[in-house]
C-alpha atoms as a PDB file:
ATOM      1  CA  UNK A   1       1.455   6.591 -19.746  1.00  0.00           C
ATOM      2  CA  UNK A   2       0.419   2.831 -19.444  1.00  0.00           C
ATOM      3  CA  UNK A   3      -2.249   3.792 -17.158  1.00  0.00           C
ATOM      4  CA  UNK A   4      -3.858   6.072 -19.926  1.00  0.00           C
ATOM      5  CA  UNK A   5      -3.400   3.130 -22.390  1.00  0.00           C
ATOM      6  CA  UNK A   6      -5.236   0.710 -20.537  1.00  0.00           C
ATOM      7  CA  UNK A   7      -7.901   3.528 -19.651  1.00  0.00           C
ATOM      8  CA  UNK A   8      -8.338   3.917 -23.253  1.00  0.00           C
ATOM      9  CA  UNK A   9      -8.375   0.268 -23.978  1.00  0.00           C
ATOM     10  CA  UNK A  10     -11.036  -0.997 -21.583  1.00  0.00           C
ATOM     11  CA  UNK A  11     -13.994  -0.006 -23.329  1.00  0.00           C
ATOM     12  CA  UNK A  12     -13.115  -2.486 -26.004  1.00  0.00           C
ATOM     13  CA  UNK A  13     -13.929  -5.197 -23.729  1.00  0.00           C
ATOM     14  CA  UNK A  14     -17.831  -3.850 -23.985  1.00  0.00           C
ATOM     15  CA  UNK A  15     -17.878  -5.095 -27.783  1.00  0.00           C
ATOM     16  CA  UNK A  16     -19.720  -8.455 -26.458  1.00  0.00           C
ATOM     17  CA  UNK A  17     -22.182  -9.217 -24.108  1.00  0.00           C
ATOM     18  CA  UNK A  18     -21.724  -8.629 -20.501  1.00  0.00           C
ATOM     19  CA  UNK A  19     -22.220 -11.591 -18.081  1.00  0.00           C
ATOM     20  CA  UNK A  20     -22.893 -11.470 -14.453  1.00  0.00           C
ATOM     21  CA  UNK A  21     -19.813 -13.368 -12.390  1.00  0.00           C
ATOM     22  CA  UNK A  22     -20.431 -12.269  -9.342  1.00  0.00           C
ATOM     23  CA  UNK A  23     -23.215  -9.795  -7.435  1.00  0.00           C
ATOM     24  CA  UNK A  24     -20.269  -7.076  -8.067  1.00  0.00           C
ATOM     25  CA  UNK A  25     -18.285  -8.574 -10.737  1.00  0.00           C
ATOM     26  CA  UNK A  26     -19.018  -8.480 -14.299  1.00  0.00           C
ATOM     27  CA  UNK A  27     -17.414 -10.024 -17.264  1.00  0.00           C
ATOM     28  CA  UNK A  28     -16.086  -7.891 -20.431  1.00  0.00           C
ATOM     29  CA  UNK A  29     -15.283  -9.800 -23.458  1.00  0.00           C
ATOM     30  CA  UNK A  30     -13.211  -8.876 -26.563  1.00  0.00           C
ATOM     31  CA  UNK A  31     -13.909 -11.845 -29.269  1.00  0.00           C
ATOM     32  CA  UNK A  32     -12.230 -11.640 -32.716  1.00  0.00           C
ATOM     33  CA  UNK A  33     -12.672 -14.748 -34.234  1.00  0.00           C
ATOM     34  CA  UNK A  34     -10.834 -13.942 -37.630  1.00  0.00           C
ATOM     35  CA  UNK A  35      -7.666 -12.776 -35.336  1.00  0.00           C
ATOM     36  CA  UNK A  36      -7.828 -15.539 -32.911  1.00  0.00           C
ATOM     37  CA  UNK A  37      -8.646 -13.300 -29.864  1.00  0.00           C
ATOM     38  CA  UNK A  38     -10.981 -14.416 -27.096  1.00  0.00           C
ATOM     39  CA  UNK A  39     -10.566 -12.454 -23.852  1.00  0.00           C
ATOM     40  CA  UNK A  40     -12.254 -11.937 -20.910  1.00  0.00           C
ATOM     41  CA  UNK A  41     -11.602  -9.587 -17.952  1.00  0.00           C
ATOM     42  CA  UNK A  42     -13.467  -8.997 -14.674  1.00  0.00           C
ATOM     43  CA  UNK A  43     -14.465  -5.537 -13.557  1.00  0.00           C
ATOM     44  CA  UNK A  44     -15.996  -4.426 -10.360  1.00  0.00           C
ATOM     45  CA  UNK A  45     -19.677  -2.698 -11.248  1.00  0.00           C
ATOM     46  CA  UNK A  46     -19.279  -0.074  -8.681  1.00  0.00           C
ATOM     47  CA  UNK A  47     -17.288   1.232  -5.627  1.00  0.00           C
ATOM     48  CA  UNK A  48     -15.187   4.233  -4.754  1.00  0.00           C
ATOM     49  CA  UNK A  49     -11.989   2.100  -5.721  1.00  0.00           C
ATOM     50  CA  UNK A  50     -13.676   0.320  -8.607  1.00  0.00           C
ATOM     51  CA  UNK A  51     -11.772   2.265 -11.540  1.00  0.00           C
ATOM     52  CA  UNK A  52      -8.177   1.687 -10.112  1.00  0.00           C
ATOM     53  CA  UNK A  53      -8.875  -1.829  -9.364  1.00  0.00           C
ATOM     54  CA  UNK A  54     -10.319  -2.696 -12.579  1.00  0.00           C
ATOM     55  CA  UNK A  55      -7.261  -1.268 -14.368  1.00  0.00           C
ATOM     56  CA  UNK A  56      -5.134  -3.724 -12.396  1.00  0.00           C
ATOM     57  CA  UNK A  57      -7.438  -6.453 -12.971  1.00  0.00           C
ATOM     58  CA  UNK A  58      -7.513  -6.018 -16.723  1.00  0.00           C
ATOM     59  CA  UNK A  59      -3.862  -4.886 -17.025  1.00  0.00           C
ATOM     60  CA  UNK A  60      -2.488  -8.619 -17.641  1.00  0.00           C
ATOM     61  CA  UNK A  61      -4.900  -9.628 -20.346  1.00  0.00           C
ATOM     62  CA  UNK A  62      -4.459  -5.961 -21.953  1.00  0.00           C
ATOM     63  CA  UNK A  63      -0.807  -6.045 -21.949  1.00  0.00           C
ATOM     64  CA  UNK A  64      -0.967  -9.780 -23.794  1.00  0.00           C
ATOM     65  CA  UNK A  65      -3.414  -8.320 -26.188  1.00  0.00           C
ATOM     66  CA  UNK A  66      -1.058  -4.940 -27.116  1.00  0.00           C
ATOM     67  CA  UNK A  67       1.571  -7.411 -27.542  1.00  0.00           C
ATOM     68  CA  UNK A  68      -0.457  -9.743 -29.816  1.00  0.00           C
ATOM     69  CA  UNK A  69      -1.818  -6.761 -32.039  1.00  0.00           C
ATOM     70  CA  UNK A  70       1.632  -5.841 -32.315  1.00  0.00           C
ATOM     71  CA  UNK A  71       2.250  -9.150 -33.726  1.00  0.00           C
ATOM     72  CA  UNK A  72      -0.551  -9.311 -36.120  1.00  0.00           C
ATOM     73  CA  UNK A  73       0.572  -6.412 -37.933  1.00  0.00           C
ATOM     74  CA  UNK A  74       4.202  -7.221 -38.137  1.00  0.00           C
ATOM     75  CA  UNK A  75       3.466 -10.783 -39.336  1.00  0.00           C
ATOM     76  CA  UNK A  76       0.285 -10.347 -41.387  1.00  0.00           C
ATOM     77  CA  UNK A  77       0.981 -12.415 -44.074  1.00  0.00           C
ATOM     78  CA  UNK A  78       1.216 -15.383 -41.581  1.00  0.00           C
ATOM     79  CA  UNK A  79      -1.910 -15.191 -39.900  1.00  0.00           C
ATOM     80  CA  UNK A  80      -3.199 -18.734 -41.273  1.00  0.00           C
ATOM     81  CA  UNK A  81      -0.507 -20.059 -38.608  1.00  0.00           C
ATOM     82  CA  UNK A  82      -3.700 -19.794 -36.070  1.00  0.00           C
ATOM     83  CA  UNK A  83      -2.142 -17.463 -33.766  1.00  0.00           C
ATOM     84  CA  UNK A  84      -4.104 -17.257 -30.553  1.00  0.00           C
ATOM     85  CA  UNK A  85      -4.835 -14.749 -27.678  1.00  0.00           C
ATOM     86  CA  UNK A  86      -6.852 -16.091 -25.109  1.00  0.00           C
ATOM     87  CA  UNK A  87      -7.601 -14.781 -21.387  1.00  0.00           C
ATOM     88  CA  UNK A  88      -9.857 -15.232 -18.538  1.00  0.00           C
ATOM     89  CA  UNK A  89     -10.364 -15.435 -15.295  1.00  0.00           C
ATOM     90  CA  UNK A  90     -11.715 -17.213 -11.741  1.00  0.00           C
ATOM     91  CA  UNK A  91     -13.091 -15.429  -8.515  1.00  0.00           C
ATOM     92  CA  UNK A  92     -11.162 -17.763  -6.167  1.00  0.00           C
ATOM     93  CA  UNK A  93     -11.984 -15.838  -2.665  1.00  0.00           C
ATOM     94  CA  UNK A  94     -15.006 -13.710  -1.757  1.00  0.00           C
ATOM     95  CA  UNK A  95     -15.770 -13.071   1.478  1.00  0.00           C
ATOM     96  CA  UNK A  96     -16.310 -10.144   3.851  1.00  0.00           C
ATOM     97  CA  UNK A  97     -14.983  -7.628   1.071  1.00  0.00           C
ATOM     98  CA  UNK A  98     -11.798  -9.544   0.407  1.00  0.00           C
ATOM     99  CA  UNK A  99     -11.405 -10.912  -2.905  1.00  0.00           C
ATOM    100  CA  UNK A 100      -8.811 -12.937  -4.609  1.00  0.00           C
ATOM    101  CA  UNK A 101      -9.019 -13.349  -8.324  1.00  0.00           C
ATOM    102  CA  UNK A 102      -6.967 -15.391 -10.614  1.00  0.00           C
ATOM    103  CA  UNK A 103      -6.253 -13.930 -14.468  1.00  0.00           C
ATOM    104  CA  UNK A 104      -5.035 -16.653 -16.840  1.00  0.00           C
ATOM    105  CA  UNK A 105      -4.395 -17.157 -20.630  1.00  0.00           C
ATOM    106  CA  UNK A 106      -2.684 -18.586 -23.485  1.00  0.00           C
ATOM    107  CA  UNK A 107      -0.987 -17.209 -26.470  1.00  0.00           C
ATOM    108  CA  UNK A 108       0.537 -18.770 -29.444  1.00  0.00           C
ATOM    109  CA  UNK A 109       2.527 -16.520 -31.946  1.00  0.00           C
ATOM    110  CA  UNK A 110       4.373 -19.092 -33.704  1.00  0.00           C
ATOM    111  CA  UNK A 111       7.097 -21.315 -33.046  1.00  0.00           C
ATOM    112  CA  UNK A 112       6.981 -24.801 -31.168  1.00  0.00           C
ATOM    113  CA  UNK A 113       4.738 -24.243 -28.889  1.00  0.00           C
ATOM    114  CA  UNK A 114       2.553 -21.259 -26.958  1.00  0.00           C
ATOM    115  CA  UNK A 115       2.661 -19.968 -23.745  1.00  0.00           C
ATOM    116  CA  UNK A 116       0.527 -19.881 -20.831  1.00  0.00           C
ATOM    117  CA  UNK A 117       0.597 -17.340 -18.122  1.00  0.00           C
ATOM    118  CA  UNK A 118      -1.078 -16.711 -14.739  1.00  0.00           C
ATOM    119  CA  UNK A 119      -1.693 -13.499 -12.786  1.00  0.00           C
ATOM    120  CA  UNK A 120      -3.509 -12.705  -9.441  1.00  0.00           C
ATOM    121  CA  UNK A 121      -5.143  -9.990  -7.667  1.00  0.00           C
ATOM    122  CA  UNK A 122      -6.077 -10.062  -3.924  1.00  0.00           C
ATOM    123  CA  UNK A 123      -7.687  -6.946  -2.595  1.00  0.00           C
ATOM    124  CA  UNK A 124     -10.094  -5.538  -0.297  1.00  0.00           C
ATOM    125  CA  UNK A 125     -13.133  -3.494  -1.692  1.00  0.00           C
ATOM    126  CA  UNK A 126     -13.715  -1.155   1.009  1.00  0.00           C
ATOM    127  CA  UNK A 127     -10.313   0.634   0.638  1.00  0.00           C
ATOM    128  CA  UNK A 128      -8.726  -0.575  -2.482  1.00  0.00           C
ATOM    129  CA  UNK A 129      -5.738  -2.172  -0.562  1.00  0.00           C
ATOM    130  CA  UNK A 130      -3.976  -4.859  -2.797  1.00  0.00           C
ATOM    131  CA  UNK A 131      -2.219  -7.317  -0.939  1.00  0.00           C
ATOM    132  CA  UNK A 132       1.352  -8.797  -1.570  1.00  0.00           C
ATOM    133  CA  UNK A 133       2.122 -11.987  -0.031  1.00  0.00           C
ATOM    134  CA  UNK A 134       4.033 -10.007   2.640  1.00  0.00           C
ATOM    135  CA  UNK A 135       0.786  -7.809   3.553  1.00  0.00           C
ATOM    136  CA  UNK A 136      -1.015 -11.225   4.449  1.00  0.00           C
ATOM    137  CA  UNK A 137       1.260 -11.826   7.390  1.00  0.00           C
ATOM    138  CA  UNK A 138       1.770 -10.189  11.088  1.00  0.00           C
ATOM    139  CA  UNK A 139       5.213  -8.650  11.277  1.00  0.00           C
ATOM    140  CA  UNK A 140       7.721 -10.976  12.707  1.00  0.00           C
ATOM    141  CA  UNK A 141       5.796 -14.067  12.072  1.00  0.00           C
ATOM    142  CA  UNK A 142       8.408 -15.589  10.080  1.00  0.00           C
ATOM    143  CA  UNK A 143       5.821 -17.114   7.794  1.00  0.00           C
ATOM    144  CA  UNK A 144       8.729 -17.375   4.996  1.00  0.00           C
ATOM    145  CA  UNK A 145      10.278 -19.972   7.013  1.00  0.00           C
ATOM    146  CA  UNK A 146       6.987 -22.146   7.308  1.00  0.00           C
ATOM    147  CA  UNK A 147       5.828 -21.767   3.771  1.00  0.00           C
ATOM    148  CA  UNK A 148       9.508 -22.901   2.248  1.00  0.00           C
ATOM    149  CA  UNK A 149       9.392 -25.607   4.460  1.00  0.00           C
ATOM    150  CA  UNK A 150       5.907 -26.523   3.069  1.00  0.00           C
ATOM    151  CA  UNK A 151       6.955 -26.024  -0.232  1.00  0.00           C
ATOM    152  CA  UNK A 152      10.088 -27.971  -0.343  1.00  0.00           C
ATOM    153  CA  UNK A 153       8.362 -30.868   1.282  1.00  0.00           C
ATOM    154  CA  UNK A 154       6.081 -30.720  -1.446  1.00  0.00           C
ATOM    155  CA  UNK A 155       8.848 -30.610  -3.890  1.00  0.00           C
ATOM    156  CA  UNK A 156      10.641 -33.854  -2.363  1.00  0.00           C
ATOM    157  CA  UNK A 157       7.503 -36.094  -2.790  1.00  0.00           C
ATOM    158  CA  UNK A 158       6.463 -35.100  -6.693  1.00  0.00           C
ATOM    159  CA  UNK A 159       8.494 -37.672  -8.919  1.00  0.00           C
ATOM    160  CA  UNK A 160      11.287 -35.747 -11.062  1.00  0.00           C
ATOM    161  CA  UNK A 161      11.121 -32.455  -8.988  1.00  0.00           C
ATOM    162  CA  UNK A 162      14.193 -32.357  -6.488  1.00  0.00           C
ATOM    163  CA  UNK A 163      16.742 -32.944  -9.322  1.00  0.00           C
ATOM    164  CA  UNK A 164      14.694 -30.420 -11.728  1.00  0.00           C
ATOM    165  CA  UNK A 165      13.596 -27.749  -9.837  1.00  0.00           C
ATOM    166  CA  UNK A 166      15.437 -24.940  -7.864  1.00  0.00           C
ATOM    167  CA  UNK A 167      13.089 -23.277  -5.429  1.00  0.00           C
ATOM    168  CA  UNK A 168      14.144 -20.069  -4.912  1.00  0.00           C
ATOM    169  CA  UNK A 169      12.024 -19.349  -1.578  1.00  0.00           C
ATOM    170  CA  UNK A 170       9.338 -17.137  -1.177  1.00  0.00           C
ATOM    171  CA  UNK A 171       9.752 -13.505  -0.978  1.00  0.00           C
ATOM    172  CA  UNK A 172       7.501 -10.486   0.002  1.00  0.00           C
ATOM    173  CA  UNK A 173       5.904 -10.169  -3.444  1.00  0.00           C
ATOM    174  CA  UNK A 174       5.965 -13.929  -4.535  1.00  0.00           C
ATOM    175  CA  UNK A 175       2.603 -14.751  -6.880  1.00  0.00           C
ATOM    176  CA  UNK A 176      -0.317 -15.976  -4.741  1.00  0.00           C
ATOM    177  CA  UNK A 177      -3.835 -16.271  -4.050  1.00  0.00           C
ATOM    178  CA  UNK A 178      -6.481 -17.040  -1.508  1.00  0.00           C
ATOM    179  CA  UNK A 179      -9.303 -19.771  -1.507  1.00  0.00           C
ATOM    180  CA  UNK A 180     -11.737 -20.973   1.306  1.00  0.00           C
ATOM    181  CA  UNK A 181      -9.211 -23.301   2.160  1.00  0.00           C
ATOM    182  CA  UNK A 182      -5.757 -22.888   0.869  1.00  0.00           C
ATOM    183  CA  UNK A 183      -2.912 -20.307   0.129  1.00  0.00           C
ATOM    184  CA  UNK A 184      -1.919 -21.046  -3.281  1.00  0.00           C
ATOM    185  CA  UNK A 185       2.013 -20.125  -4.361  1.00  0.00           C
ATOM    186  CA  UNK A 186       2.649 -20.374  -8.028  1.00  0.00           C
ATOM    187  CA  UNK A 187       5.500 -19.500 -10.208  1.00  0.00           C
ATOM    188  CA  UNK A 188       5.603 -18.862 -14.168  1.00  0.00           C
ATOM    189  CA  UNK A 189       7.222 -21.050 -16.336  1.00  0.00           C
ATOM    190  CA  UNK A 190      11.204 -20.733 -16.113  1.00  0.00           C
ATOM    191  CA  UNK A 191      11.120 -19.119 -12.835  1.00  0.00           C
ATOM    192  CA  UNK A 192      12.077 -22.151 -11.025  1.00  0.00           C
ATOM    193  CA  UNK A 193      11.702 -25.057 -13.345  1.00  0.00           C
ATOM    194  CA  UNK A 194      12.184 -26.115 -17.016  1.00  0.00           C
ATOM    195  CA  UNK A 195       9.226 -25.144 -19.282  1.00  0.00           C
ATOM    196  CA  UNK A 196       7.901 -28.763 -19.192  1.00  0.00           C
ATOM    197  CA  UNK A 197       7.052 -28.046 -15.881  1.00  0.00           C
ATOM    198  CA  UNK A 198       4.372 -25.671 -16.535  1.00  0.00           C
ATOM    199  CA  UNK A 199       3.236 -23.019 -13.975  1.00  0.00           C
ATOM    200  CA  UNK A 200       4.404 -24.784 -10.345  1.00  0.00           C
ATOM    201  CA  UNK A 201       1.845 -24.132  -8.119  1.00  0.00           C
ATOM    202  CA  UNK A 202       1.774 -25.202  -4.303  1.00  0.00           C
ATOM    203  CA  UNK A 203      -1.324 -25.600  -2.419  1.00  0.00           C
ATOM    204  CA  UNK A 204      -1.040 -24.732   1.195  1.00  0.00           C
ATOM    205  CA  UNK A 205      -3.579 -25.563   3.966  1.00  0.00           C
ATOM    206  CA  UNK A 206      -4.551 -22.287   5.150  1.00  0.00           C
ATOM    207  CA  UNK A 207      -5.411 -23.286   8.583  1.00  0.00           C
ATOM    208  CA  UNK A 208      -1.419 -24.319   9.072  1.00  0.00           C
ATOM    209  CA  UNK A 209      -0.804 -20.655   8.637  1.00  0.00           C
ATOM    210  CA  UNK A 210      -3.849 -19.324  10.356  1.00  0.00           C
ATOM    211  CA  UNK A 211      -1.896 -17.911  13.551  1.00  0.00           C
ATOM    212  CA  UNK A 212       0.514 -16.263  11.305  1.00  0.00           C
ATOM    213  CA  UNK A 213      -2.258 -14.403   9.170  1.00  0.00           C
ATOM    214  CA  UNK A 214      -3.392 -10.684   9.974  1.00  0.00           C
ATOM    215  CA  UNK A 215      -6.668 -10.801  11.525  1.00  0.00           C
ATOM    216  CA  UNK A 216      -8.694  -9.750   8.498  1.00  0.00           C
ATOM    217  CA  UNK A 217      -7.037 -12.575   6.628  1.00  0.00           C
ATOM    218  CA  UNK A 218      -7.489 -15.224   9.409  1.00  0.00           C
ATOM    219  CA  UNK A 219      -9.972 -17.410   9.420  1.00  0.00           C
ATOM    220  CA  UNK A 220     -11.906 -17.287  12.657  1.00  0.00           C
ATOM    221  CA  UNK A 221     -12.886 -21.359  12.366  1.00  0.00           C
END
């Protein structure tokens, strides 16, 4: 049901101009200034698995848009509160058909503060494979122990963090994205720290983990 709904909503993002973000990615935009909506999502231009990947790339923003739209109906008499629904993306890694894209946004629906969010998708274009954190590493590599040690060390170096943060340790589906130099692990508000800590993010040197990555993820340098 959700897939059908997302498919039906994707054409909405052709309302504004389509801008080129990468040779294989375009930006689909939905802007409604009167309703505080400013959403941009990425979309693959072509490819056998483009449709399914585009649904995945649009899903976080579209889900926020649906919740926001419902709120606009329920709270229509309070629209002067400057409610906001914003979303955009960054291409963090694009090499040899492997892409890592970060989707991010902010919503304010009244109350003391708004809420920031982040999502990410790392995928291989040729066969549509979408990677979990676990899927990046060779079996038996014990990558979790290494990553946990690196993150715990970083928490210990950050002022005020050791007493306020409860790091759960990474699991197979922990949020991440790739860059040329790093594996970035991140958490959403309240997942490991109070709201005031935002989105706890840990940038891990990719080459420290290089020997544990699967060959297709490993950097040959």
